[in-house]
Every structure is written in structure tokens, then in C-alpha cells.
Amino acid sequence: RVDLAKVAGFCYALEEQLEAAGIDVRTMNPEYGDGQLEITVSPSWGVSAADDASTFKTAVKEVAMQFGATATFMTKPFSLSGPGNGGHFNFSLWEPEGAEAASGALGREGAER
């Protein structure tokens, strides 16, 4: 597990940089493996979401370099030496009038529609 006391400077610097770029950090939590963090940011719409994702990844890498570390979003398959890893993005679908498109009864495939 990540010891946040050891990486507090990194976390504060990253949050500061993301906020300066207009990206609202909601949570920053340790994950299971060494060096893994889960960072949740506020959602955004359309092309802004893609821009935010790119800015986010660049900021993480740049701040990591300032702290003498390397950040990667590449996948690491599960192994006996520790858990797997990989960068990912969650998303939600919304109707034009503001209703969640993925809420409601389960569809044919078992996924909410």
C-alpha cells in the first residue's frame, strides 16, 4: 500500500497543478500496490473531458519528474510480486435533457440501460 505520508508532497503539488489547470480533484486515495494512487476528478462534457484526461496525465508525469519519480499509465499484468496496474477512465452517459442514460431497468445483456 502507498504510504501517503511519504508522498504527501507529491499529492499536494499534483492537486495544486491540476487545480491551476482547471481540473477539480475530488479524491486522492492509496490503491493496493506500491506506488498506486486512485485520483478522482470532477466530470466534464464532451471534448473538455478528453482535454482534461490529457492534461491530467501530463500533469501527473510532470509533477512526478519534479519529485524524481516516473509516472506511467501502462498496464502491468498481475504477478506474484504484486497486483496489476493500469490507468483507466470512468465515464457516464447522459441524455440531452440531463437525465442519466444508463439508469433504469436492466437491459437484455444484464447492463443497465
N, C-alpha and C. Protein backbone atom coordinates (compact mmCIF):
# COMPACT_ATOMS: atom_id res chain seq x y z
N ARG A 1 0.83 -1.18 0.00
CA ARG A 1 0.00 0.00 0.00
C ARG A 1 0.87 1.25 0.00
N VAL A 2 0.36 2.27 -0.58
CA VAL A 2 1.08 3.54 -0.63
C VAL A 2 1.01 4.18 0.75
N ASP A 3 2.13 4.64 1.23
CA ASP A 3 2.18 5.40 2.48
C ASP A 3 2.05 6.88 2.11
N LEU A 4 0.85 7.41 2.28
CA LEU A 4 0.60 8.79 1.85
C LEU A 4 1.47 9.80 2.56
N ALA A 5 1.95 9.46 3.77
CA ALA A 5 2.85 10.38 4.47
C ALA A 5 4.13 10.58 3.67
N LYS A 6 4.57 9.53 2.95
CA LYS A 6 5.79 9.61 2.16
C LYS A 6 5.58 10.36 0.85
N VAL A 7 4.37 10.37 0.36
CA VAL A 7 4.12 11.01 -0.94
C VAL A 7 3.23 12.24 -0.81
N ALA A 8 3.10 12.75 0.41
CA ALA A 8 2.22 13.90 0.63
C ALA A 8 2.63 15.10 -0.21
N GLY A 9 3.93 15.36 -0.31
CA GLY A 9 4.40 16.49 -1.12
C GLY A 9 3.99 16.34 -2.57
N PHE A 10 4.13 15.13 -3.10
CA PHE A 10 3.70 14.86 -4.47
C PHE A 10 2.20 15.11 -4.61
N CYS A 11 1.43 14.58 -3.68
CA CYS A 11 -0.04 14.72 -3.76
C CYS A 11 -0.46 16.18 -3.72
N TYR A 12 0.13 16.96 -2.81
CA TYR A 12 -0.22 18.38 -2.72
C TYR A 12 0.18 19.14 -3.98
N ALA A 13 1.38 18.85 -4.48
CA ALA A 13 1.85 19.53 -5.69
C ALA A 13 0.98 19.18 -6.89
N LEU A 14 0.61 17.91 -7.00
CA LEU A 14 -0.25 17.50 -8.11
C LEU A 14 -1.61 18.16 -8.03
N GLU A 15 -2.20 18.16 -6.85
CA GLU A 15 -3.51 18.79 -6.70
C GLU A 15 -3.43 20.28 -7.06
N GLU A 16 -2.38 20.94 -6.63
CA GLU A 16 -2.20 22.36 -6.94
C GLU A 16 -2.10 22.59 -8.45
N GLN A 17 -1.33 21.76 -9.14
CA GLN A 17 -1.16 21.90 -10.59
C GLN A 17 -2.46 21.62 -11.34
N LEU A 18 -3.17 20.58 -10.92
CA LEU A 18 -4.44 20.24 -11.58
C LEU A 18 -5.47 21.35 -11.37
N GLU A 19 -5.55 21.87 -10.16
CA GLU A 19 -6.48 22.96 -9.89
C GLU A 19 -6.12 24.18 -10.73
N ALA A 20 -4.83 24.48 -10.88
CA ALA A 20 -4.39 25.62 -11.69
C ALA A 20 -4.79 25.43 -13.16
N ALA A 21 -4.88 24.17 -13.59
CA ALA A 21 -5.28 23.87 -14.97
C ALA A 21 -6.80 23.76 -15.12
N GLY A 22 -7.53 24.01 -14.03
CA GLY A 22 -8.98 23.98 -14.09
C GLY A 22 -9.59 22.61 -13.89
N ILE A 23 -8.81 21.66 -13.37
CA ILE A 23 -9.30 20.31 -13.13
C ILE A 23 -9.54 20.15 -11.63
N ASP A 24 -10.78 19.89 -11.26
CA ASP A 24 -11.18 19.78 -9.85
C ASP A 24 -10.90 18.37 -9.34
N VAL A 25 -9.98 18.25 -8.38
CA VAL A 25 -9.66 16.95 -7.77
C VAL A 25 -10.66 16.69 -6.66
N ARG A 26 -11.39 15.58 -6.77
CA ARG A 26 -12.36 15.21 -5.74
C ARG A 26 -11.75 14.35 -4.65
N THR A 27 -11.02 13.32 -5.05
CA THR A 27 -10.40 12.43 -4.07
C THR A 27 -9.03 11.98 -4.57
N MET A 28 -8.17 11.62 -3.62
CA MET A 28 -6.87 11.03 -3.92
C MET A 28 -6.63 9.97 -2.86
N ASN A 29 -6.67 8.70 -3.27
CA ASN A 29 -6.61 7.58 -2.33
C ASN A 29 -5.51 6.61 -2.70
N PRO A 30 -4.92 5.95 -1.69
CA PRO A 30 -3.96 4.89 -2.00
C PRO A 30 -4.68 3.67 -2.58
N GLU A 31 -4.01 2.98 -3.46
CA GLU A 31 -4.52 1.73 -4.01
C GLU A 31 -3.75 0.57 -3.39
N TYR A 32 -3.99 -0.63 -3.86
CA TYR A 32 -3.43 -1.82 -3.26
C TYR A 32 -1.91 -1.94 -3.41
N GLY A 33 -1.39 -1.62 -4.57
CA GLY A 33 0.03 -1.85 -4.84
C GLY A 33 0.91 -0.66 -4.49
N ASP A 34 2.19 -0.93 -4.34
CA ASP A 34 3.16 0.14 -4.08
C ASP A 34 3.12 1.16 -5.20
N GLY A 35 3.05 2.42 -4.83
CA GLY A 35 3.09 3.49 -5.81
C GLY A 35 1.79 3.73 -6.55
N GLN A 36 0.73 3.03 -6.17
CA GLN A 36 -0.55 3.21 -6.86
C GLN A 36 -1.42 4.20 -6.11
N LEU A 37 -1.98 5.14 -6.86
CA LEU A 37 -2.94 6.09 -6.32
C LEU A 37 -4.17 6.08 -7.21
N GLU A 38 -5.32 6.28 -6.60
CA GLU A 38 -6.55 6.49 -7.37
C GLU A 38 -6.92 7.95 -7.16
N ILE A 39 -7.03 8.67 -8.26
CA ILE A 39 -7.36 10.09 -8.20
C ILE A 39 -8.65 10.30 -8.98
N THR A 40 -9.63 10.85 -8.31
CA THR A 40 -10.93 11.11 -8.92
C THR A 40 -11.07 12.61 -9.16
N VAL A 41 -11.44 12.96 -10.38
CA VAL A 41 -11.66 14.36 -10.72
C VAL A 41 -13.12 14.56 -11.11
N SER A 42 -13.56 15.79 -11.04
CA SER A 42 -14.94 16.10 -11.41
C SER A 42 -15.16 15.83 -12.90
N PRO A 43 -16.35 15.39 -13.25
CA PRO A 43 -16.63 15.11 -14.66
C PRO A 43 -16.72 16.39 -15.48
N SER A 44 -16.54 16.24 -16.77
CA SER A 44 -16.72 17.35 -17.69
C SER A 44 -17.36 16.81 -18.96
N TRP A 45 -17.79 17.70 -19.83
CA TRP A 45 -18.56 17.31 -21.01
C TRP A 45 -17.71 17.26 -22.27
N GLY A 46 -18.02 16.32 -23.12
CA GLY A 46 -17.50 16.25 -24.49
C GLY A 46 -16.00 16.37 -24.63
N VAL A 47 -15.59 17.25 -25.53
CA VAL A 47 -14.18 17.44 -25.82
C VAL A 47 -13.43 17.91 -24.58
N SER A 48 -14.10 18.64 -23.71
CA SER A 48 -13.45 19.09 -22.47
C SER A 48 -12.99 17.90 -21.63
N ALA A 49 -13.77 16.82 -21.64
CA ALA A 49 -13.39 15.61 -20.89
C ALA A 49 -12.10 15.02 -21.46
N ALA A 50 -11.99 14.98 -22.78
CA ALA A 50 -10.78 14.46 -23.41
C ALA A 50 -9.58 15.37 -23.12
N ASP A 51 -9.80 16.67 -23.19
CA ASP A 51 -8.73 17.62 -22.86
C ASP A 51 -8.28 17.46 -21.41
N ASP A 52 -9.25 17.30 -20.51
CA ASP A 52 -8.92 17.12 -19.09
C ASP A 52 -8.14 15.84 -18.86
N ALA A 53 -8.50 14.76 -19.56
CA ALA A 53 -7.79 13.49 -19.41
C ALA A 53 -6.34 13.64 -19.86
N SER A 54 -6.12 14.30 -20.97
CA SER A 54 -4.76 14.51 -21.47
C SER A 54 -3.96 15.41 -20.52
N THR A 55 -4.58 16.49 -20.07
CA THR A 55 -3.93 17.40 -19.13
C THR A 55 -3.60 16.69 -17.83
N PHE A 56 -4.52 15.86 -17.35
CA PHE A 56 -4.31 15.10 -16.12
C PHE A 56 -3.07 14.22 -16.23
N LYS A 57 -2.99 13.42 -17.30
CA LYS A 57 -1.85 12.52 -17.47
C LYS A 57 -0.53 13.29 -17.57
N THR A 58 -0.54 14.39 -18.30
CA THR A 58 0.67 15.20 -18.43
C THR A 58 1.08 15.77 -17.08
N ALA A 59 0.11 16.28 -16.32
CA ALA A 59 0.42 16.86 -15.00
C ALA A 59 1.00 15.80 -14.07
N VAL A 60 0.44 14.62 -14.05
CA VAL A 60 0.95 13.55 -13.18
C VAL A 60 2.41 13.25 -13.54
N LYS A 61 2.69 13.11 -14.83
CA LYS A 61 4.06 12.80 -15.26
C LYS A 61 5.03 13.93 -14.92
N GLU A 62 4.62 15.17 -15.15
CA GLU A 62 5.49 16.33 -14.89
C GLU A 62 5.78 16.49 -13.40
N VAL A 63 4.75 16.36 -12.57
CA VAL A 63 4.96 16.50 -11.12
C VAL A 63 5.80 15.35 -10.60
N ALA A 64 5.58 14.15 -11.11
CA ALA A 64 6.40 13.01 -10.69
C ALA A 64 7.87 13.27 -11.00
N MET A 65 8.17 13.83 -12.18
CA MET A 65 9.56 14.14 -12.53
C MET A 65 10.16 15.15 -11.56
N GLN A 66 9.36 16.12 -11.13
CA GLN A 66 9.85 17.11 -10.16
C GLN A 66 10.26 16.46 -8.84
N PHE A 67 9.65 15.31 -8.54
CA PHE A 67 9.94 14.58 -7.30
C PHE A 67 10.90 13.41 -7.54
N GLY A 68 11.53 13.38 -8.71
CA GLY A 68 12.50 12.34 -9.00
C GLY A 68 11.87 10.97 -9.22
N ALA A 69 10.62 10.95 -9.62
CA ALA A 69 9.91 9.69 -9.85
C ALA A 69 9.43 9.63 -11.30
N THR A 70 8.99 8.46 -11.69
CA THR A 70 8.42 8.26 -13.02
C THR A 70 6.99 7.79 -12.86
N ALA A 71 6.07 8.45 -13.52
CA ALA A 71 4.67 8.03 -13.51
C ALA A 71 4.35 7.39 -14.85
N THR A 72 3.61 6.31 -14.80
CA THR A 72 3.19 5.65 -16.03
C THR A 72 1.74 5.21 -15.90
N PHE A 73 1.08 5.14 -17.02
CA PHE A 73 -0.30 4.66 -17.07
C PHE A 73 -0.38 3.35 -17.83
N MET A 74 0.77 2.75 -18.07
CA MET A 74 0.83 1.48 -18.79
C MET A 74 0.34 0.34 -17.90
N THR A 75 -0.16 -0.68 -18.53
CA THR A 75 -0.67 -1.84 -17.81
C THR A 75 0.48 -2.71 -17.31
N LYS A 76 0.34 -3.21 -16.09
CA LYS A 76 1.25 -4.21 -15.55
C LYS A 76 0.38 -5.41 -15.18
N PRO A 77 0.51 -6.51 -15.88
CA PRO A 77 -0.31 -7.68 -15.56
C PRO A 77 -0.06 -8.16 -14.13
N PHE A 78 -1.03 -8.84 -13.59
CA PHE A 78 -0.91 -9.40 -12.24
C PHE A 78 0.28 -10.36 -12.19
N SER A 79 1.00 -10.33 -11.10
CA SER A 79 2.10 -11.28 -10.90
C SER A 79 2.19 -11.61 -9.42
N LEU A 80 3.00 -12.57 -9.08
CA LEU A 80 3.17 -12.94 -7.69
C LEU A 80 3.87 -11.86 -6.89
N SER A 81 4.57 -10.96 -7.57
CA SER A 81 5.29 -9.89 -6.87
C SER A 81 4.40 -8.69 -6.54
N GLY A 82 3.14 -8.74 -6.91
CA GLY A 82 2.25 -7.63 -6.57
C GLY A 82 1.07 -7.56 -7.51
N PRO A 83 0.16 -6.64 -7.23
CA PRO A 83 -1.05 -6.52 -8.04
C PRO A 83 -0.77 -5.92 -9.41
N GLY A 84 -1.71 -6.10 -10.30
CA GLY A 84 -1.63 -5.46 -11.60
C GLY A 84 -1.87 -3.97 -11.46
N ASN A 85 -1.77 -3.28 -12.56
CA ASN A 85 -1.89 -1.83 -12.54
C ASN A 85 -2.30 -1.36 -13.91
N GLY A 86 -2.83 -0.19 -14.03
CA GLY A 86 -3.13 0.39 -15.32
C GLY A 86 -3.99 1.62 -15.17
N GLY A 87 -3.71 2.61 -15.99
CA GLY A 87 -4.52 3.81 -15.97
C GLY A 87 -5.85 3.54 -16.66
N HIS A 88 -6.91 4.12 -16.14
CA HIS A 88 -8.22 3.96 -16.76
C HIS A 88 -9.07 5.19 -16.45
N PHE A 89 -10.11 5.34 -17.22
CA PHE A 89 -11.03 6.45 -17.03
C PHE A 89 -12.44 5.90 -16.93
N ASN A 90 -13.21 6.39 -15.97
CA ASN A 90 -14.62 6.02 -15.85
C ASN A 90 -15.45 7.08 -16.56
N PHE A 91 -16.60 6.67 -17.04
CA PHE A 91 -17.45 7.63 -17.73
C PHE A 91 -18.91 7.32 -17.44
N SER A 92 -19.77 8.28 -17.70
CA SER A 92 -21.21 8.10 -17.58
C SER A 92 -21.87 8.70 -18.82
N LEU A 93 -23.05 8.23 -19.13
CA LEU A 93 -23.79 8.70 -20.30
C LEU A 93 -25.02 9.47 -19.84
N TRP A 94 -25.25 10.62 -20.48
CA TRP A 94 -26.36 11.49 -20.08
C TRP A 94 -27.19 11.85 -21.30
N GLU A 95 -28.49 11.93 -21.10
CA GLU A 95 -29.43 12.39 -22.13
C GLU A 95 -29.29 13.90 -22.27
N PRO A 96 -29.64 14.46 -23.46
CA PRO A 96 -29.52 15.92 -23.65
C PRO A 96 -30.30 16.74 -22.61
N GLU A 97 -31.41 16.21 -22.11
CA GLU A 97 -32.19 16.96 -21.12
C GLU A 97 -31.66 16.82 -19.71
N GLY A 98 -30.56 16.06 -19.52
CA GLY A 98 -29.91 15.98 -18.22
C GLY A 98 -30.14 14.70 -17.43
N ALA A 99 -30.92 13.76 -17.96
CA ALA A 99 -31.17 12.50 -17.26
C ALA A 99 -30.04 11.52 -17.56
N GLU A 100 -29.74 10.66 -16.59
CA GLU A 100 -28.73 9.63 -16.83
C GLU A 100 -29.23 8.64 -17.86
N ALA A 101 -28.46 8.41 -18.90
CA ALA A 101 -28.85 7.47 -19.96
C ALA A 101 -28.67 6.03 -19.53
N ALA A 102 -27.83 5.79 -18.53
CA ALA A 102 -27.53 4.42 -18.11
C ALA A 102 -28.28 4.02 -16.84
N SER A 103 -29.30 4.77 -16.45
CA SER A 103 -30.05 4.39 -15.26
C SER A 103 -31.32 3.66 -15.66
N GLY A 104 -31.89 2.96 -14.73
CA GLY A 104 -33.16 2.27 -15.00
C GLY A 104 -33.04 0.77 -14.97
N ALA A 105 -33.98 0.11 -15.63
CA ALA A 105 -34.06 -1.35 -15.61
C ALA A 105 -32.88 -1.99 -16.34
N LEU A 106 -32.60 -3.23 -15.95
CA LEU A 106 -31.53 -3.96 -16.61
C LEU A 106 -31.95 -4.32 -18.03
N GLY A 107 -31.04 -4.15 -18.96
CA GLY A 107 -31.30 -4.48 -20.34
C GLY A 107 -31.07 -5.95 -20.61
N ARG A 108 -31.22 -6.34 -21.88
CA ARG A 108 -31.05 -7.74 -22.30
C ARG A 108 -29.71 -8.32 -21.92
N GLU A 109 -28.67 -7.54 -22.01
CA GLU A 109 -27.31 -8.03 -21.75
C GLU A 109 -26.95 -7.99 -20.27
N GLY A 110 -27.88 -7.59 -19.41
CA GLY A 110 -27.60 -7.53 -17.99
C GLY A 110 -27.01 -6.20 -17.54
N ALA A 111 -26.74 -5.32 -18.49
CA ALA A 111 -26.21 -4.00 -18.14
C ALA A 111 -27.38 -3.05 -18.00
N GLU A 112 -27.21 -2.06 -17.16
CA GLU A 112 -28.28 -1.06 -17.05
C GLU A 112 -28.37 -0.30 -18.34
N ARG A 113 -29.57 0.04 -18.73
CA ARG A 113 -29.74 0.78 -19.96
C ARG A 113 -30.10 2.21 -19.69
